[in-house]
């Protein structure tokens, strides 16, 4: 990543893609290690959850059907009711475990990739051992930011539900009502994508600056101004790619039993590899977008100061040598 920071403000969609790919290939070894340690479990959990949920859902549907054709009050009816209750408990426990591990590995992956990408930007040597020592410290800051984002998302969705109920009660079921519904649906998804982008920027801010939590989210919101459409296109394409791979996995693996075991396994491995690349690309890209937004707002980053800030996570490790020619200052870093 040898492009001067003041020139990064001119990067568009293709420029961001190019810098992301160059960054990944410039440190293939360490990104491969990060991928195998953090992103592989994340991708595996993401895909395996769909298969496990489908198996349990089929069992629940079968048990529920058997219960409906069984006369109430019989011993079989009681056993089927107990079995159905147990299956639902299992289903929700798996959901809880899935979301817990998904969040944990997502934050760990973000910590590792953002820190590594920033270190590459400062032209510094970095080992995987150093990344492993930094991740737990960065992860704590990201947890606070995630909790704040979760609260905001929860309030947003609750308001959406209230508006939906109000619409169902007061708007007629005619052409006008359908137009209003689709307008509200579009506005909801626009708001959801916008909050998602702010969350992505807040994650990078939490790692590379002193702010985290609500302050990081406010900083992320301010950063994307002026580069909003570029960020929307990048993240929307990534989300659509994830959604497309989810559909492919469901069709060819989860519901593709007629294809045979080996073909399903082959498609599962292929989907896993694509998801791995998408996760890594997305995490590096969000750091590049952060640098682009900083440059656009003339909040120039001194590579040496950024390196000292990142080195602060390492504790007793020796400071990484930086670019002595940089003459601009990293905002919000007290070094």
Protein backbone atom coordinates (compact mmCIF):
# COMPACT_ATOMS: atom_id res chain seq x y z
CA UNK A 1 0.00 0.00 0.00
CA UNK A 2 2.40 2.65 -1.26
CA UNK A 3 -0.09 5.35 -2.30
CA UNK A 4 0.42 8.67 -0.41
CA UNK A 5 -2.34 9.29 2.12
CA UNK A 6 -3.29 12.68 0.64
CA UNK A 7 -3.96 10.99 -2.72
CA UNK A 8 -6.27 8.34 -1.30
CA UNK A 9 -9.20 10.79 -1.27
CA UNK A 10 -9.36 10.42 -5.07
CA UNK A 11 -9.84 6.66 -4.99
CA UNK A 12 -13.18 5.53 -6.38
CA UNK A 13 -14.80 2.14 -6.45
CA UNK A 14 -12.20 0.46 -8.67
CA UNK A 15 -9.35 2.16 -6.84
CA UNK A 16 -10.56 0.80 -3.50
CA UNK A 17 -10.85 -2.69 -4.98
CA UNK A 18 -7.34 -2.42 -6.42
CA UNK A 19 -5.81 -1.24 -3.14
CA UNK A 20 -7.62 -3.99 -1.24
CA UNK A 21 -6.29 -6.72 -3.52
CA UNK A 22 -2.76 -5.24 -3.49
CA UNK A 23 -2.81 -5.13 0.32
CA UNK A 24 -3.89 -8.76 0.62
CA UNK A 25 -1.29 -10.03 -1.86
CA UNK A 26 1.49 -7.92 -0.33
CA UNK A 27 1.23 -9.94 2.92
CA UNK A 28 -0.19 -13.24 1.73
CA UNK A 29 1.40 -15.25 4.52
CA UNK A 30 0.05 -13.30 7.48
CA UNK A 31 -3.41 -12.90 5.91
CA UNK A 32 -3.48 -16.65 5.28
CA UNK A 33 -2.65 -17.26 8.95
CA UNK A 34 -5.38 -14.86 10.07
CA UNK A 35 -7.86 -16.47 7.69
CA UNK A 36 -7.17 -19.98 8.97
CA UNK A 37 -7.25 -18.89 12.63
CA UNK A 38 -10.26 -16.55 12.72
CA UNK A 39 -12.10 -16.32 9.40
CA UNK A 40 -12.26 -20.06 8.68
CA UNK A 41 -14.20 -20.82 11.91
CA UNK A 42 -16.42 -17.81 11.16
CA UNK A 43 -17.23 -19.00 7.64
CA UNK A 44 -17.70 -22.61 8.78
CA UNK A 45 -20.14 -21.56 11.52
CA UNK A 46 -21.99 -19.35 9.04
CA UNK A 47 -22.56 -22.22 6.59
CA UNK A 48 -22.91 -25.13 9.03
CA UNK A 49 -25.67 -23.29 10.88
CA UNK A 50 -27.90 -23.44 7.80
CA UNK A 51 -27.50 -27.22 7.48
CA UNK A 52 -28.05 -27.89 11.19
CA UNK A 53 -31.06 -25.54 11.36
CA UNK A 54 -32.60 -27.27 8.35
CA UNK A 55 -32.21 -30.72 9.94
CA UNK A 56 -33.81 -29.61 13.21
CA UNK A 57 -36.57 -27.71 11.38
CA UNK A 58 -37.48 -30.87 9.45
CA UNK A 59 -37.64 -32.84 12.69
CA UNK A 60 -39.89 -30.18 14.24
CA UNK A 61 -42.20 -30.21 11.21
CA UNK A 62 -42.40 -34.01 11.25
CA UNK A 63 -43.11 -34.15 15.00
CA UNK A 64 -45.69 -31.38 14.73
CA UNK A 65 -47.45 -33.20 11.87
CA UNK A 66 -47.52 -36.45 13.84
CA UNK A 67 -48.94 -34.58 16.83
CA UNK A 68 -51.75 -33.08 14.76
CA UNK A 69 -52.87 -36.48 13.47
CA UNK A 70 -52.73 -38.04 16.94
CA UNK A 71 -55.74 -38.03 19.25
CA UNK A 72 -55.22 -35.63 22.22
CA UNK A 73 -55.01 -37.21 25.67
CA UNK A 74 -53.26 -40.39 24.50
CA UNK A 75 -49.80 -41.49 25.65
CA UNK A 76 -48.43 -41.00 22.11
CA UNK A 77 -49.78 -37.43 22.03
CA UNK A 78 -48.04 -36.67 25.34
CA UNK A 79 -44.75 -38.12 24.10
CA UNK A 80 -44.99 -36.15 20.86
CA UNK A 81 -45.69 -32.94 22.81
CA UNK A 82 -42.63 -33.52 24.99
CA UNK A 83 -40.51 -34.32 21.93
CA UNK A 84 -41.72 -31.18 20.14
CA UNK A 85 -40.93 -29.03 23.17
CA UNK A 86 -37.47 -30.56 23.42
CA UNK A 87 -36.80 -29.98 19.72
CA UNK A 88 -37.82 -26.33 19.96
CA UNK A 89 -35.53 -25.86 22.97
CA UNK A 90 -32.69 -27.46 21.02
CA UNK A 91 -33.43 -25.22 18.03
CA UNK A 92 -33.24 -22.00 20.05
CA UNK A 93 -30.18 -23.14 22.00
CA UNK A 94 -28.39 -23.78 18.70
CA UNK A 95 -29.46 -20.33 17.50
CA UNK A 96 -28.06 -18.75 20.67
CA UNK A 97 -24.77 -20.64 20.38
CA UNK A 98 -24.56 -19.78 16.68
CA UNK A 99 -25.02 -16.04 17.18
CA UNK A 100 -22.59 -16.04 20.12
CA UNK A 101 -19.79 -17.72 18.16
CA UNK A 102 -20.62 -15.69 15.03
CA UNK A 103 -20.23 -12.42 16.94
CA UNK A 104 -17.08 -13.56 18.76
CA UNK A 105 -15.24 -14.71 15.63
CA UNK A 106 -16.52 -11.74 13.64
CA UNK A 107 -15.03 -9.30 16.16
CA UNK A 108 -11.81 -11.31 16.43
CA UNK A 109 -11.47 -11.36 12.62
CA UNK A 110 -12.15 -7.63 12.44
CA UNK A 111 -9.55 -6.90 15.12
CA UNK A 112 -6.86 -8.96 13.40
CA UNK A 113 -7.49 -7.78 9.83
CA UNK A 114 -7.92 -4.06 10.58
CA UNK A 115 -4.80 -4.01 12.77
CA UNK A 116 -2.79 -5.89 10.15
CA UNK A 117 -4.00 -3.69 7.29
CA UNK A 118 -3.11 -0.53 9.21
CA UNK A 119 0.33 -1.95 10.01
CA UNK A 120 0.89 -2.68 6.31
CA UNK A 121 -0.14 0.92 5.54
CA UNK A 122 2.63 2.15 7.87
CA UNK A 123 5.13 -0.06 5.97
CA UNK A 124 6.03 -1.96 9.10
CA UNK A 125 7.08 -5.52 9.67
CA UNK A 126 4.45 -7.50 11.56
CA UNK A 127 4.42 -11.11 12.73
CA UNK A 128 1.42 -13.33 13.35
CA UNK A 129 2.47 -13.72 16.99
CA UNK A 130 2.20 -9.95 17.45
CA UNK A 131 -1.26 -9.98 15.87
CA UNK A 132 -2.35 -12.75 18.26
CA UNK A 133 -1.15 -10.67 21.22
CA UNK A 134 -2.91 -7.54 20.00
CA UNK A 135 -6.28 -9.12 19.12
CA UNK A 136 -7.56 -9.64 22.73
CA UNK A 137 -6.86 -5.98 23.57
CA UNK A 138 -8.50 -4.61 20.42
CA UNK A 139 -11.39 -7.07 20.77
CA UNK A 140 -12.45 -5.52 24.09
CA UNK A 141 -12.92 -2.12 22.43
CA UNK A 142 -14.87 -3.66 19.58
CA UNK A 143 -17.23 -5.40 22.02
CA UNK A 144 -18.24 -2.03 23.47
CA UNK A 145 -18.80 -0.63 19.97
CA UNK A 146 -20.80 -3.71 19.00
CA UNK A 147 -23.06 -3.40 22.05
CA UNK A 148 -23.77 0.24 21.20
CA UNK A 149 -24.52 -0.69 17.59
CA UNK A 150 -26.77 -3.52 18.78
CA UNK A 151 -28.79 -1.13 20.97
CA UNK A 152 -29.20 1.31 18.07
CA UNK A 153 -30.21 -1.53 15.73
CA UNK A 154 -32.70 -2.87 18.29
CA UNK A 155 -34.35 0.55 18.69
CA UNK A 156 -34.44 0.98 14.90
CA UNK A 157 -36.16 -2.36 14.38
CA UNK A 158 -38.63 -1.74 17.22
CA UNK A 159 -39.61 1.56 15.61
CA UNK A 160 -39.99 -0.24 12.28
CA UNK A 161 -42.33 -2.78 13.90
CA UNK A 162 -44.40 0.01 15.49
CA UNK A 163 -44.70 1.77 12.11
CA UNK A 164 -45.66 -1.53 10.45
CA UNK A 165 -48.42 -2.14 13.02
CA UNK A 166 -49.66 1.44 12.55
CA UNK A 167 -49.72 0.87 8.76
CA UNK A 168 -51.66 -2.40 9.09
CA UNK A 169 -54.27 -0.72 11.30
CA UNK A 170 -54.78 2.59 9.49
CA UNK A 171 -53.95 2.06 5.82
CA UNK A 172 -56.43 0.39 3.46
CA UNK A 173 -55.62 -2.76 1.54
CA UNK A 174 -55.61 -1.16 -1.91
CA UNK A 175 -53.16 0.18 -4.49
CA UNK A 176 -52.37 3.28 -2.42
CA UNK A 177 -51.72 1.13 0.63
CA UNK A 178 -49.36 -1.17 -1.28
CA UNK A 179 -47.42 1.83 -2.66
CA UNK A 180 -46.99 3.20 0.87
CA UNK A 181 -45.87 -0.23 2.11
CA UNK A 182 -43.20 -0.60 -0.57
CA UNK A 183 -41.94 2.95 0.03
CA UNK A 184 -41.60 2.16 3.74
CA UNK A 185 -39.83 -1.10 2.89
CA UNK A 186 -37.31 0.71 0.68
CA UNK A 187 -36.72 3.35 3.37
CA UNK A 188 -36.20 0.62 5.97
CA UNK A 189 -33.53 -1.14 3.89
CA UNK A 190 -31.82 2.17 3.06
CA UNK A 191 -31.65 2.94 6.77
CA UNK A 192 -30.41 -0.58 7.53
CA UNK A 193 -27.60 -0.34 4.95
CA UNK A 194 -26.65 3.12 6.23
CA UNK A 195 -26.40 1.85 9.82
CA UNK A 196 -24.39 -1.14 8.63
CA UNK A 197 -21.85 1.16 6.96
CA UNK A 198 -21.59 3.30 10.10
CA UNK A 199 -21.00 0.13 12.12
CA UNK A 200 -18.24 -0.97 9.72
CA UNK A 201 -16.51 2.40 10.00
CA UNK A 202 -16.96 2.45 13.77
CA UNK A 203 -15.14 -0.90 13.97
CA UNK A 204 -12.10 0.55 12.19
CA UNK A 205 -12.22 3.71 14.32
CA UNK A 206 -12.31 1.56 17.47
CA UNK A 207 -9.07 -0.15 16.40
CA UNK A 208 -7.12 2.77 14.91
CA UNK A 209 -8.21 5.67 17.11
CA UNK A 210 -8.79 6.34 20.78
CA UNK A 211 -12.59 6.43 20.33
CA UNK A 212 -14.88 3.45 20.75
CA UNK A 213 -18.52 2.81 21.57
CA UNK A 214 -20.89 5.69 20.80
CA UNK A 215 -18.01 8.05 19.99
CA UNK A 216 -16.71 5.62 17.37
CA UNK A 217 -20.16 5.39 15.79
CA UNK A 218 -20.46 9.18 15.64
CA UNK A 219 -16.98 9.37 14.15
CA UNK A 220 -17.90 6.71 11.60
CA UNK A 221 -21.03 8.65 10.63
CA UNK A 222 -18.99 11.80 10.07
CA UNK A 223 -16.28 10.01 8.11
CA UNK A 224 -18.51 8.56 5.40
CA UNK A 225 -19.90 12.00 4.47
CA UNK A 226 -18.72 12.79 0.97
CA UNK A 227 -17.84 9.17 0.25
CA UNK A 228 -21.26 7.81 1.20
CA UNK A 229 -22.18 6.43 -2.22
CA UNK A 230 -18.83 4.71 -2.71
CA UNK A 231 -19.18 3.08 0.71
CA UNK A 232 -22.79 2.10 -0.01
CA UNK A 233 -21.84 0.46 -3.32
CA UNK A 234 -18.87 -1.43 -1.83
CA UNK A 235 -20.74 -2.78 1.18
CA UNK A 236 -23.96 -3.42 -0.74
CA UNK A 237 -22.09 -5.52 -3.29
CA UNK A 238 -20.41 -7.46 -0.49
CA UNK A 239 -23.73 -8.08 1.28
CA UNK A 240 -25.36 -9.15 -1.98
CA UNK A 241 -22.43 -11.51 -2.62
CA UNK A 242 -22.86 -13.07 0.82
CA UNK A 243 -26.59 -13.42 0.20
CA UNK A 244 -25.97 -15.01 -3.20
CA UNK A 245 -23.55 -17.55 -1.70
CA UNK A 246 -26.08 -18.32 1.03
CA UNK A 247 -28.73 -19.05 -1.62
CA UNK A 248 -26.28 -21.23 -3.60
CA UNK A 249 -25.33 -23.16 -0.45
CA UNK A 250 -28.97 -23.71 0.49
CA UNK A 251 -29.95 -24.89 -3.00
CA UNK A 252 -26.96 -27.14 -3.69
CA UNK A 253 -26.03 -28.36 -0.20
CA UNK A 254 -28.88 -27.93 2.29
CA UNK A 255 -31.70 -28.86 -0.13
CA UNK A 256 -29.61 -30.64 -2.76
CA UNK A 257 -29.83 -34.18 -1.41
CA UNK A 258 -30.65 -35.56 -4.84
CA UNK A 259 -27.17 -34.48 -6.00
CA UNK A 260 -25.49 -37.10 -3.82
CA UNK A 261 -23.10 -36.86 -0.89
CA UNK A 262 -19.89 -36.17 -2.81
CA UNK A 263 -21.32 -33.44 -5.04
CA UNK A 264 -22.90 -31.74 -2.04
CA UNK A 265 -19.57 -31.95 -0.21
CA UNK A 266 -17.78 -30.46 -3.22
CA UNK A 267 -20.23 -27.56 -3.45
CA UNK A 268 -19.95 -27.03 0.33
CA UNK A 269 -16.15 -26.74 0.10
CA UNK A 270 -16.45 -24.38 -2.88
CA UNK A 271 -18.93 -22.16 -1.02
CA UNK A 272 -16.67 -22.17 2.04
CA UNK A 273 -13.68 -21.00 -0.02
CA UNK A 274 -15.69 -18.20 -1.63
CA UNK A 275 -17.06 -17.07 1.74
CA UNK A 276 -13.51 -17.02 3.16
CA UNK A 277 -12.36 -14.71 0.37
CA UNK A 278 -15.42 -12.47 0.77
CA UNK A 279 -14.92 -12.10 4.52
CA UNK A 280 -11.23 -11.24 4.12
CA UNK A 281 -11.82 -8.89 1.20
CA UNK A 282 -14.61 -7.09 3.07
CA UNK A 283 -12.55 -6.55 6.23
CA UNK A 284 -9.54 -5.20 4.33
CA UNK A 285 -11.81 -3.04 2.14
CA UNK A 286 -13.46 -1.37 5.13
CA UNK A 287 -10.01 -0.32 6.40
CA UNK A 288 -9.12 1.08 2.98
CA UNK A 289 -12.42 3.00 2.91
CA UNK A 290 -11.57 4.41 6.35
CA UNK A 291 -8.25 5.71 5.00
CA UNK A 292 -10.00 7.13 1.92
CA UNK A 293 -12.56 8.92 4.08
CA UNK A 294 -9.84 10.30 6.38
CA UNK A 295 -8.00 11.67 3.36
CA UNK A 296 -11.20 13.13 1.88
CA UNK A 297 -11.82 15.11 5.09
CA UNK A 298 -8.12 16.13 5.18
CA UNK A 299 -7.65 14.26 8.44
CA UNK A 300 -4.25 13.12 7.28
CA UNK A 301 -2.53 10.24 9.02
CA UNK A 302 1.10 10.34 10.05
CA UNK A 303 2.36 6.81 9.41
CA UNK A 304 4.86 7.09 12.23
CA UNK A 305 2.24 8.30 14.71
CA UNK A 306 -0.18 5.60 13.61
CA UNK A 307 2.57 3.03 14.06
CA UNK A 308 3.25 4.27 17.60
CA UNK A 309 -0.47 4.13 18.35
CA UNK A 310 -0.70 0.55 17.06
CA UNK A 311 2.48 -0.42 18.90
CA UNK A 312 0.80 0.66 22.13
CA UNK A 313 -1.33 -2.50 21.89
CA UNK A 314 1.82 -4.62 21.94
CA UNK A 315 2.86 -3.75 25.49
CA UNK A 316 6.40 -5.03 26.00
CA UNK A 317 7.06 -5.65 22.31
CA UNK A 318 9.56 -3.34 20.67
CA UNK A 319 8.18 -0.48 18.56
CA UNK A 320 7.86 -1.10 14.85
CA UNK A 321 9.99 1.16 12.66
CA UNK A 322 8.01 3.57 10.50
CA UNK A 323 8.14 5.98 7.58
CA UNK A 324 10.20 8.98 8.73
CA UNK A 325 9.22 11.11 5.73
CA UNK A 326 5.57 11.42 6.72
CA UNK A 327 4.81 14.93 8.01
CA UNK A 328 1.12 14.88 8.78
CA UNK A 329 -0.54 13.97 12.05
CA UNK A 330 -2.96 11.23 13.11
CA UNK A 331 -6.04 12.84 14.56
CA UNK A 332 -7.30 11.65 17.95
CA UNK A 333 -4.10 9.71 18.77
CA UNK A 334 -2.29 10.84 21.91
CA UNK A 335 1.23 9.57 21.51
